[in-house]
């Protein structure tokens, strides 16, 4: 019959489309489970003052109100083995979705130092990526504070010299920090 689409052809079109709708609906349902889409990062440091100075004055985070975690709560939650926590919080931006870096030092405990030579030196979270407005200004702050890029940084990402550059530096504990932004 002219003008009628065979059922088989209709199914070949509708079945894949329904899968797209299902995947999209599933993704939305999962995202609805998260009131914030920003991940906070907690970093145990060897010298809280040196780390706070680096992240605030060299990188450009702003310190906001921190918090205390009682020893019994930290132990019950599996965070420590009987130690309380004093957490200093630093943000990039001032809205609710701003990245939050939570620095903590636990005095009097023996802590192993990880192998931070390269990103492949050990398993686990290996580096922070921070997007910046001006690589040259960041380099000036780093050098003024006695820090230098790792290896040959900054390295152009892509081929457009007006594009972004990657500069890898280390914080006071040797953790890798990627700074990505244009040179101005």
N, C-alpha and C. Protein backbone atom coordinates (compact mmCIF):
# COMPACT_ATOMS: atom_id res chain seq x y z
N UNK A 1 0.83 -1.18 0.00
CA UNK A 1 0.00 0.00 0.00
C UNK A 1 0.87 1.24 0.00
N UNK A 2 0.60 2.16 -0.91
CA UNK A 2 1.36 3.40 -0.93
C UNK A 2 1.05 4.24 0.31
N UNK A 3 2.08 4.95 0.82
CA UNK A 3 1.90 5.84 1.96
C UNK A 3 2.02 5.15 3.30
N UNK A 4 2.09 3.83 3.35
CA UNK A 4 2.23 3.13 4.63
C UNK A 4 3.68 2.72 4.85
N UNK A 5 4.16 2.88 6.04
CA UNK A 5 5.51 2.47 6.39
C UNK A 5 5.44 1.06 6.94
N UNK A 6 6.21 0.13 6.40
CA UNK A 6 6.19 -1.23 6.92
C UNK A 6 6.56 -1.24 8.40
N UNK A 7 5.91 -2.10 9.18
CA UNK A 7 6.12 -2.20 10.63
C UNK A 7 7.59 -2.44 10.96
N UNK A 8 8.25 -3.29 10.19
CA UNK A 8 9.65 -3.58 10.44
C UNK A 8 10.50 -2.31 10.33
N UNK A 9 10.27 -1.47 9.34
CA UNK A 9 11.01 -0.22 9.18
C UNK A 9 10.75 0.72 10.34
N UNK A 10 9.51 0.78 10.78
CA UNK A 10 9.15 1.63 11.91
C UNK A 10 9.87 1.18 13.17
N UNK A 11 9.92 -0.12 13.41
CA UNK A 11 10.61 -0.64 14.59
C UNK A 11 12.11 -0.37 14.54
N UNK A 12 12.70 -0.47 13.34
CA UNK A 12 14.13 -0.20 13.21
C UNK A 12 14.46 1.24 13.57
N UNK A 13 13.53 2.15 13.40
CA UNK A 13 13.75 3.55 13.75
C UNK A 13 13.40 3.80 15.21
N UNK A 14 12.28 3.29 15.69
CA UNK A 14 11.80 3.59 17.04
C UNK A 14 12.59 2.91 18.14
N UNK A 15 13.03 1.68 17.94
CA UNK A 15 13.74 0.98 19.00
C UNK A 15 15.04 1.70 19.36
N UNK A 16 15.90 2.06 18.40
CA UNK A 16 17.10 2.80 18.78
C UNK A 16 16.78 4.15 19.43
N UNK A 17 15.75 4.83 18.96
CA UNK A 17 15.39 6.12 19.55
C UNK A 17 14.93 5.96 20.98
N UNK A 18 14.22 4.89 21.29
CA UNK A 18 13.77 4.68 22.67
C UNK A 18 14.96 4.43 23.57
N UNK A 19 16.01 3.80 23.05
CA UNK A 19 17.23 3.60 23.83
C UNK A 19 17.89 4.91 24.17
N UNK A 20 17.91 5.84 23.22
CA UNK A 20 18.49 7.16 23.46
C UNK A 20 17.70 7.87 24.55
N UNK A 21 16.39 7.80 24.48
CA UNK A 21 15.56 8.43 25.49
C UNK A 21 15.80 7.80 26.85
N UNK A 22 15.96 6.47 26.90
CA UNK A 22 16.20 5.78 28.16
C UNK A 22 17.54 6.19 28.75
N UNK A 23 18.59 6.23 27.93
CA UNK A 23 19.90 6.63 28.42
C UNK A 23 19.85 8.06 28.93
N UNK A 24 19.20 8.95 28.20
CA UNK A 24 19.09 10.34 28.62
C UNK A 24 18.32 10.45 29.93
N UNK A 25 17.22 9.73 30.05
CA UNK A 25 16.42 9.76 31.28
C UNK A 25 17.22 9.18 32.45
N UNK A 26 17.98 8.11 32.21
CA UNK A 26 18.78 7.50 33.26
C UNK A 26 19.86 8.47 33.73
N UNK A 27 20.51 9.15 32.80
CA UNK A 27 21.56 10.11 33.16
C UNK A 27 20.98 11.24 33.99
N UNK A 28 19.82 11.76 33.60
CA UNK A 28 19.17 12.82 34.35
C UNK A 28 18.81 12.35 35.75
N UNK A 29 18.31 11.13 35.87
CA UNK A 29 17.94 10.60 37.18
C UNK A 29 19.17 10.51 38.08
N UNK A 30 20.30 10.08 37.54
CA UNK A 30 21.52 9.98 38.33
C UNK A 30 21.99 11.37 38.74
N UNK A 31 22.00 12.33 37.82
CA UNK A 31 22.43 13.69 38.15
C UNK A 31 21.53 14.33 39.19
N UNK A 32 20.26 13.98 39.20
CA UNK A 32 19.33 14.51 40.19
C UNK A 32 19.68 14.04 41.60
N UNK A 33 20.49 13.00 41.72
CA UNK A 33 20.89 12.48 43.02
C UNK A 33 21.96 13.34 43.69
N UNK A 34 22.50 14.32 42.97
CA UNK A 34 23.59 15.12 43.49
C UNK A 34 23.19 16.59 43.58
N UNK A 35 23.07 17.14 44.80
CA UNK A 35 22.68 18.54 44.95
C UNK A 35 23.79 19.50 44.50
N UNK A 36 25.03 19.05 44.50
CA UNK A 36 26.16 19.84 44.00
C UNK A 36 26.94 18.97 43.04
N UNK A 37 27.37 19.55 41.94
CA UNK A 37 28.16 18.78 40.98
C UNK A 37 29.65 19.07 41.10
N UNK A 38 30.03 19.79 42.14
CA UNK A 38 31.43 20.08 42.41
C UNK A 38 31.94 19.07 43.43
N UNK A 39 33.16 18.62 43.24
CA UNK A 39 33.77 17.69 44.17
C UNK A 39 34.71 18.46 45.09
N UNK A 40 34.55 18.31 46.41
CA UNK A 40 35.49 18.87 47.36
C UNK A 40 36.67 17.91 47.48
N UNK A 41 37.85 18.45 47.75
CA UNK A 41 39.04 17.61 47.85
C UNK A 41 39.68 17.85 49.21
N UNK A 42 39.92 16.78 49.96
CA UNK A 42 40.60 16.86 51.24
C UNK A 42 42.05 16.45 51.07
N UNK A 43 42.96 17.24 51.63
CA UNK A 43 44.39 16.96 51.50
C UNK A 43 45.03 16.98 52.89
N UNK A 44 45.64 15.86 53.28
CA UNK A 44 46.39 15.79 54.52
C UNK A 44 47.79 16.32 54.22
N UNK A 45 48.23 17.32 54.97
CA UNK A 45 49.50 17.99 54.69
C UNK A 45 50.46 17.84 55.87
N UNK A 46 51.74 18.03 55.61
CA UNK A 46 52.74 17.92 56.67
C UNK A 46 52.92 19.23 57.44
N UNK A 47 52.60 20.35 56.81
CA UNK A 47 52.76 21.67 57.43
C UNK A 47 51.57 22.53 57.00
N UNK A 48 50.59 22.67 57.87
CA UNK A 48 49.35 23.35 57.51
C UNK A 48 49.59 24.81 57.14
N UNK A 49 50.51 25.48 57.81
CA UNK A 49 50.76 26.89 57.51
C UNK A 49 51.41 27.05 56.13
N UNK A 50 52.37 26.20 55.81
CA UNK A 50 53.02 26.27 54.49
C UNK A 50 52.02 25.95 53.39
N UNK A 51 51.17 24.95 53.61
CA UNK A 51 50.17 24.59 52.60
C UNK A 51 49.15 25.70 52.43
N UNK A 52 48.68 26.28 53.55
CA UNK A 52 47.71 27.37 53.48
C UNK A 52 48.29 28.57 52.74
N UNK A 53 49.54 28.90 53.02
CA UNK A 53 50.20 30.01 52.33
C UNK A 53 50.31 29.73 50.83
N UNK A 54 50.69 28.52 50.46
CA UNK A 54 50.84 28.16 49.05
C UNK A 54 49.51 28.27 48.31
N UNK A 55 48.47 27.63 48.84
CA UNK A 55 47.19 27.61 48.12
C UNK A 55 46.51 28.98 48.11
N UNK A 56 46.68 29.77 49.18
CA UNK A 56 46.05 31.10 49.21
C UNK A 56 46.88 32.14 48.47
N UNK A 57 48.14 32.27 48.82
CA UNK A 57 48.94 33.38 48.31
C UNK A 57 49.66 33.10 46.99
N UNK A 58 49.93 31.85 46.71
CA UNK A 58 50.62 31.52 45.46
C UNK A 58 49.62 31.13 44.38
N UNK A 59 48.71 30.23 44.71
CA UNK A 59 47.74 29.77 43.71
C UNK A 59 46.56 30.74 43.59
N UNK A 60 46.04 31.24 44.70
CA UNK A 60 44.95 32.22 44.63
C UNK A 60 43.63 31.78 45.22
N UNK A 61 43.62 30.70 46.00
CA UNK A 61 42.40 30.31 46.70
C UNK A 61 42.10 31.34 47.79
N UNK A 62 40.86 31.38 48.25
CA UNK A 62 40.45 32.23 49.36
C UNK A 62 40.07 31.33 50.53
N UNK A 63 40.62 31.63 51.70
CA UNK A 63 40.27 30.82 52.87
C UNK A 63 38.91 31.26 53.40
N UNK A 64 38.06 30.29 53.69
CA UNK A 64 36.75 30.53 54.29
C UNK A 64 36.70 29.76 55.61
N UNK A 65 35.56 29.82 56.26
CA UNK A 65 35.43 29.16 57.56
C UNK A 65 35.68 27.66 57.45
N UNK A 66 36.55 27.17 58.30
CA UNK A 66 36.84 25.74 58.37
C UNK A 66 35.95 25.06 59.39
N UNK A 67 36.34 23.87 59.79
CA UNK A 67 35.53 23.14 60.76
C UNK A 67 36.38 22.12 61.52
N UNK A 68 35.82 21.66 62.63
CA UNK A 68 36.46 20.65 63.48
C UNK A 68 35.67 19.35 63.37
N UNK A 69 36.38 18.23 63.44
CA UNK A 69 35.74 16.92 63.46
C UNK A 69 36.24 16.23 64.72
N UNK A 70 35.32 15.90 65.63
CA UNK A 70 35.69 15.25 66.88
C UNK A 70 36.28 13.87 66.62
N UNK A 71 37.17 13.43 67.51
CA UNK A 71 37.85 12.14 67.33
C UNK A 71 36.87 10.98 67.23
N UNK A 72 35.83 10.97 68.09
CA UNK A 72 34.90 9.84 68.05
C UNK A 72 34.12 9.80 66.73
N UNK A 73 33.74 10.96 66.21
CA UNK A 73 33.03 11.01 64.93
C UNK A 73 33.96 10.58 63.79
N UNK A 74 35.20 11.12 63.79
CA UNK A 74 36.17 10.79 62.74
C UNK A 74 36.47 9.29 62.74
N UNK A 75 36.52 8.69 63.92
CA UNK A 75 36.77 7.25 64.02
C UNK A 75 35.56 6.46 63.54
N UNK A 76 34.37 6.84 63.98
CA UNK A 76 33.14 6.14 63.57
C UNK A 76 32.94 6.21 62.06
N UNK A 77 33.31 7.33 61.45
CA UNK A 77 33.13 7.50 60.01
C UNK A 77 34.24 6.81 59.21
N UNK A 78 35.32 6.40 59.88
CA UNK A 78 36.42 5.76 59.18
C UNK A 78 37.45 6.73 58.63
N UNK A 79 37.42 7.97 59.10
CA UNK A 79 38.38 8.97 58.62
C UNK A 79 39.74 8.86 59.30
N UNK A 80 39.73 8.59 60.61
CA UNK A 80 40.98 8.48 61.37
C UNK A 80 40.89 7.29 62.31
N UNK A 81 42.00 7.02 62.97
CA UNK A 81 42.04 5.94 63.96
C UNK A 81 42.10 6.53 65.37
N UNK A 82 41.18 7.44 65.65
CA UNK A 82 41.09 8.03 66.98
C UNK A 82 41.59 9.45 67.07
N UNK A 83 41.90 10.06 65.96
CA UNK A 83 42.41 11.43 65.95
C UNK A 83 41.32 12.42 65.55
N UNK A 84 41.28 13.59 66.21
CA UNK A 84 40.36 14.64 65.77
C UNK A 84 40.94 15.34 64.54
N UNK A 85 40.11 16.08 63.83
CA UNK A 85 40.56 16.81 62.65
C UNK A 85 40.23 18.29 62.78
N UNK A 86 41.16 19.13 62.43
CA UNK A 86 40.92 20.55 62.23
C UNK A 86 41.11 20.78 60.75
N UNK A 87 40.05 21.23 60.08
CA UNK A 87 40.07 21.36 58.62
C UNK A 87 40.00 22.84 58.25
N UNK A 88 40.97 23.28 57.46
CA UNK A 88 40.95 24.64 56.91
C UNK A 88 40.44 24.53 55.48
N UNK A 89 39.49 25.39 55.12
CA UNK A 89 38.81 25.29 53.83
C UNK A 89 39.19 26.49 52.96
N UNK A 90 39.49 26.19 51.70
CA UNK A 90 39.87 27.20 50.71
C UNK A 90 38.98 27.02 49.49
N UNK A 91 38.56 28.13 48.89
CA UNK A 91 37.65 28.06 47.74
C UNK A 91 38.20 28.84 46.55
N UNK A 92 37.73 28.42 45.37
CA UNK A 92 37.96 29.16 44.13
C UNK A 92 36.59 29.68 43.72
N UNK A 93 36.33 30.95 43.95
CA UNK A 93 35.02 31.52 43.63
C UNK A 93 34.20 31.71 44.88
N UNK A 94 33.03 32.35 44.71
CA UNK A 94 32.21 32.64 45.89
C UNK A 94 30.78 32.14 45.76
N UNK A 95 30.51 31.28 44.79
CA UNK A 95 29.16 30.73 44.68
C UNK A 95 29.11 29.34 45.33
N UNK A 96 27.91 28.78 45.43
CA UNK A 96 27.74 27.49 46.10
C UNK A 96 28.47 26.34 45.41
N UNK A 97 28.77 26.50 44.13
CA UNK A 97 29.44 25.41 43.42
C UNK A 97 30.95 25.60 43.34
N UNK A 98 31.48 26.54 44.11
CA UNK A 98 32.93 26.80 44.08
C UNK A 98 33.70 25.57 44.56
N UNK A 99 34.82 25.31 43.93
CA UNK A 99 35.70 24.23 44.36
C UNK A 99 36.16 24.50 45.78
N UNK A 100 36.14 23.46 46.61
CA UNK A 100 36.57 23.59 48.00
C UNK A 100 37.74 22.64 48.24
N UNK A 101 38.84 23.20 48.69
CA UNK A 101 40.01 22.42 49.04
C UNK A 101 40.09 22.41 50.56
N UNK A 102 40.09 21.22 51.14
CA UNK A 102 40.07 21.08 52.59
C UNK A 102 41.43 20.56 53.06
N UNK A 103 42.18 21.43 53.72
CA UNK A 103 43.52 21.07 54.19
C UNK A 103 43.47 20.68 55.66
N UNK A 104 44.21 19.63 56.00
CA UNK A 104 44.26 19.19 57.39
C UNK A 104 45.63 18.64 57.72
N UNK A 105 46.05 18.88 58.96
CA UNK A 105 47.29 18.32 59.48
C UNK A 105 46.95 17.71 60.82
N UNK A 106 47.43 16.51 61.06
CA UNK A 106 47.19 15.86 62.35
C UNK A 106 48.53 15.78 63.07
N UNK A 107 48.76 16.70 64.01
CA UNK A 107 50.05 16.73 64.72
C UNK A 107 50.29 15.44 65.50
N UNK A 108 51.55 15.02 65.53
CA UNK A 108 51.94 13.89 66.36
C UNK A 108 51.70 12.52 65.75
N UNK A 109 51.20 12.43 64.54
CA UNK A 109 51.01 11.12 63.92
C UNK A 109 52.12 10.89 62.90
N UNK A 110 52.48 9.64 62.74
CA UNK A 110 53.48 9.28 61.74
C UNK A 110 52.76 9.01 60.42
N UNK A 111 53.13 9.74 59.40
CA UNK A 111 52.45 9.63 58.10
C UNK A 111 53.47 9.25 57.03
N UNK A 112 53.09 8.29 56.19
CA UNK A 112 53.95 7.93 55.05
C UNK A 112 53.84 8.99 53.97
N UNK A 113 54.94 9.25 53.32
CA UNK A 113 54.96 10.17 52.19
C UNK A 113 54.78 9.33 50.93
N UNK A 114 53.85 9.75 50.07
CA UNK A 114 53.61 9.03 48.82
C UNK A 114 54.69 9.33 47.79
N UNK A 115 54.75 8.50 46.77
CA UNK A 115 55.69 8.71 45.68
C UNK A 115 55.03 9.62 44.66
N UNK A 116 55.41 10.88 44.65
CA UNK A 116 54.82 11.88 43.75
C UNK A 116 55.73 12.24 42.59
N UNK A 117 56.70 11.39 42.28
CA UNK A 117 57.64 11.72 41.20
C UNK A 117 56.90 11.96 39.89
N UNK A 118 55.97 11.08 39.55
CA UNK A 118 55.20 11.19 38.31
C UNK A 118 53.78 10.74 38.59
N UNK A 119 52.86 11.04 37.70
CA UNK A 119 51.47 10.62 37.91
C UNK A 119 51.33 9.11 37.94
N UNK A 120 52.26 8.38 37.34
CA UNK A 120 52.17 6.92 37.30
C UNK A 120 52.98 6.25 38.42
N UNK A 121 53.54 7.01 39.35
CA UNK A 121 54.40 6.45 40.39
C UNK A 121 53.65 5.64 41.44
N UNK A 122 52.40 5.95 41.66
CA UNK A 122 51.58 5.16 42.59
C UNK A 122 50.13 5.34 42.22
N UNK A 123 49.30 4.45 42.74
CA UNK A 123 47.87 4.52 42.46
C UNK A 123 47.21 5.60 43.29
N UNK A 124 46.04 6.02 42.87
CA UNK A 124 45.26 6.98 43.64
C UNK A 124 45.15 8.32 42.94
N UNK A 125 44.51 9.26 43.62
CA UNK A 125 44.38 10.60 43.08
C UNK A 125 45.79 11.17 42.93
N UNK A 126 46.08 11.73 41.80
CA UNK A 126 47.46 12.10 41.53
C UNK A 126 47.71 13.59 41.40
N UNK A 127 46.73 14.37 40.98
CA UNK A 127 46.98 15.80 40.82
C UNK A 127 45.67 16.57 40.81
N UNK A 128 45.78 17.87 41.07
CA UNK A 128 44.66 18.79 40.95
C UNK A 128 44.84 19.59 39.67
N UNK A 129 43.76 19.87 38.98
CA UNK A 129 43.81 20.75 37.82
C UNK A 129 43.07 22.03 38.18
N UNK A 130 43.74 23.16 38.02
CA UNK A 130 43.15 24.46 38.33
C UNK A 130 43.24 25.31 37.08
N UNK A 131 42.09 25.83 36.65
CA UNK A 131 42.04 26.68 35.46
C UNK A 131 42.28 28.12 35.88
N UNK A 132 43.20 28.78 35.20
CA UNK A 132 43.62 30.13 35.56
C UNK A 132 43.40 31.09 34.40
N UNK A 133 43.35 32.38 34.70
CA UNK A 133 43.15 33.41 33.67
C UNK A 133 44.45 33.86 33.01
N UNK A 134 45.57 33.73 33.72
CA UNK A 134 46.81 34.30 33.21
C UNK A 134 48.01 33.47 33.67
N UNK A 135 48.55 32.68 32.76
CA UNK A 135 49.70 31.84 33.09
C UNK A 135 50.90 32.67 33.50
N UNK A 136 51.14 33.78 32.83
CA UNK A 136 52.31 34.62 33.17
C UNK A 136 52.21 35.16 34.59
N UNK A 137 51.03 35.61 34.99
CA UNK A 137 50.84 36.12 36.36
C UNK A 137 51.03 34.99 37.37
N UNK A 138 50.51 33.81 37.06
CA UNK A 138 50.68 32.66 37.96
C UNK A 138 52.15 32.30 38.10
N UNK A 139 52.88 32.31 36.99
CA UNK A 139 54.32 32.02 37.03
C UNK A 139 55.06 33.04 37.89
N UNK A 140 54.70 34.30 37.78
CA UNK A 140 55.35 35.34 38.58
C UNK A 140 55.11 35.10 40.07
N UNK A 141 53.87 34.76 40.45
CA UNK A 141 53.57 34.46 41.86
C UNK A 141 54.35 33.24 42.34
N UNK A 142 54.39 32.20 41.51
CA UNK A 142 55.12 30.98 41.86
C UNK A 142 56.59 31.27 42.10
N UNK A 143 57.21 31.97 41.16
CA UNK A 143 58.64 32.26 41.27
C UNK A 143 58.94 33.16 42.47
N UNK A 144 58.07 34.14 42.72
CA UNK A 144 58.26 35.03 43.87
C UNK A 144 58.21 34.26 45.19
N UNK A 145 57.45 33.17 45.20
CA UNK A 145 57.33 32.35 46.41
C UNK A 145 58.34 31.21 46.44
N UNK A 146 59.25 31.16 45.45
CA UNK A 146 60.29 30.14 45.45
C UNK A 146 59.89 28.83 44.80
N UNK A 147 58.81 28.82 44.03
CA UNK A 147 58.37 27.61 43.34
C UNK A 147 58.65 27.75 41.85
N UNK A 148 58.94 26.64 41.21
CA UNK A 148 59.21 26.65 39.77
C UNK A 148 58.38 25.55 39.11
N UNK A 149 58.08 25.72 37.83
CA UNK A 149 57.38 24.65 37.12
C UNK A 149 58.21 23.37 37.10
N UNK A 150 57.51 22.25 37.05
CA UNK A 150 58.16 20.96 36.88
C UNK A 150 58.52 20.84 35.40
N UNK A 151 59.68 20.34 35.08
CA UNK A 151 60.11 20.10 33.69
C UNK A 151 60.11 21.38 32.87
N UNK A 152 59.57 21.32 31.66
CA UNK A 152 59.69 22.43 30.71
C UNK A 152 58.52 23.41 30.72
N UNK A 153 57.61 23.31 31.69
CA UNK A 153 56.42 24.14 31.66
C UNK A 153 56.71 25.62 31.61
N UNK A 154 55.77 26.43 31.14
CA UNK A 154 54.47 26.04 30.60
C UNK A 154 54.58 25.47 29.18
N UNK A 155 53.70 24.50 28.89
CA UNK A 155 53.69 23.82 27.60
C UNK A 155 52.39 24.16 26.90
N UNK A 156 52.48 24.57 25.64
CA UNK A 156 51.30 24.92 24.85
C UNK A 156 50.43 23.68 24.64
N UNK A 157 49.13 23.82 24.89
CA UNK A 157 48.17 22.75 24.62
C UNK A 157 47.60 23.03 23.24
N UNK A 158 47.82 22.14 22.31
CA UNK A 158 47.36 22.38 20.95
C UNK A 158 48.40 23.14 20.16
N UNK A 159 47.95 23.86 19.13
CA UNK A 159 48.90 24.54 18.24
C UNK A 159 48.71 26.05 18.17
N UNK A 160 47.66 26.57 18.78
CA UNK A 160 47.38 28.01 18.72
C UNK A 160 48.10 28.71 19.86
N UNK A 161 49.12 29.54 19.58
CA UNK A 161 49.86 30.22 20.65
C UNK A 161 48.98 31.10 21.54
N UNK A 162 47.80 31.48 21.05
CA UNK A 162 46.88 32.27 21.88
C UNK A 162 46.03 31.37 22.77
N UNK A 163 46.22 30.06 22.67
CA UNK A 163 45.42 29.10 23.44
C UNK A 163 45.95 28.91 24.85
N UNK A 164 45.56 27.80 25.45
CA UNK A 164 45.94 27.50 26.83
C UNK A 164 47.29 26.81 26.92
N UNK A 165 47.93 27.03 28.07
CA UNK A 165 49.21 26.41 28.38
C UNK A 165 49.04 25.59 29.65
N UNK A 166 49.79 24.50 29.74
CA UNK A 166 49.81 23.65 30.93
C UNK A 166 51.11 23.90 31.68
N UNK A 167 50.96 24.25 32.95
CA UNK A 167 52.11 24.42 33.83
C UNK A 167 51.91 23.48 35.02
N UNK A 168 52.85 22.58 35.25
CA UNK A 168 52.76 21.66 36.38
C UNK A 168 53.73 22.14 37.46
N UNK A 169 53.21 22.26 38.68
CA UNK A 169 54.02 22.68 39.83
C UNK A 169 53.77 21.70 40.97
N UNK A 170 54.53 21.85 42.03
CA UNK A 170 54.34 21.01 43.22
C UNK A 170 53.99 21.90 44.41
N UNK A 171 53.09 21.40 45.25
CA UNK A 171 52.78 22.12 46.48
C UNK A 171 53.88 21.81 47.50
N UNK A 172 53.82 22.37 48.72
CA UNK A 172 54.90 22.14 49.68
C UNK A 172 55.15 20.67 50.04
N UNK A 173 54.15 19.79 49.86
CA UNK A 173 54.34 18.36 50.13
C UNK A 173 54.71 17.58 48.88
N UNK A 174 54.90 18.25 47.76
CA UNK A 174 55.29 17.58 46.53
C UNK A 174 54.14 17.10 45.67
N UNK A 175 52.90 17.41 46.06
CA UNK A 175 51.75 17.01 45.25
C UNK A 175 51.73 17.80 43.95
N UNK A 176 51.36 17.13 42.87
CA UNK A 176 51.33 17.78 41.56
C UNK A 176 50.08 18.63 41.39
N UNK A 177 50.27 19.84 40.88
CA UNK A 177 49.19 20.78 40.60
C UNK A 177 49.32 21.20 39.14
N UNK A 178 48.25 21.00 38.35
CA UNK A 178 48.23 21.47 36.97
C UNK A 178 47.56 22.83 36.94
N UNK A 179 48.20 23.79 36.32
CA UNK A 179 47.61 25.10 36.09
C UNK A 179 47.40 25.23 34.58
N UNK A 180 46.17 25.50 34.16
CA UNK A 180 45.86 25.58 32.73
C UNK A 180 45.24 26.94 32.44
N UNK A 181 45.83 27.65 31.48
CA UNK A 181 45.28 28.94 31.10
C UNK A 181 46.14 29.61 30.04
N UNK A 182 45.66 30.72 29.49
CA UNK A 182 46.39 31.43 28.44
C UNK A 182 47.56 32.23 29.03
N UNK A 183 48.49 32.58 28.16
CA UNK A 183 49.58 33.49 28.55
C UNK A 183 49.15 34.88 28.15
N UNK A 184 49.16 35.81 29.06
CA UNK A 184 48.74 37.19 28.76
C UNK A 184 49.91 38.13 28.92
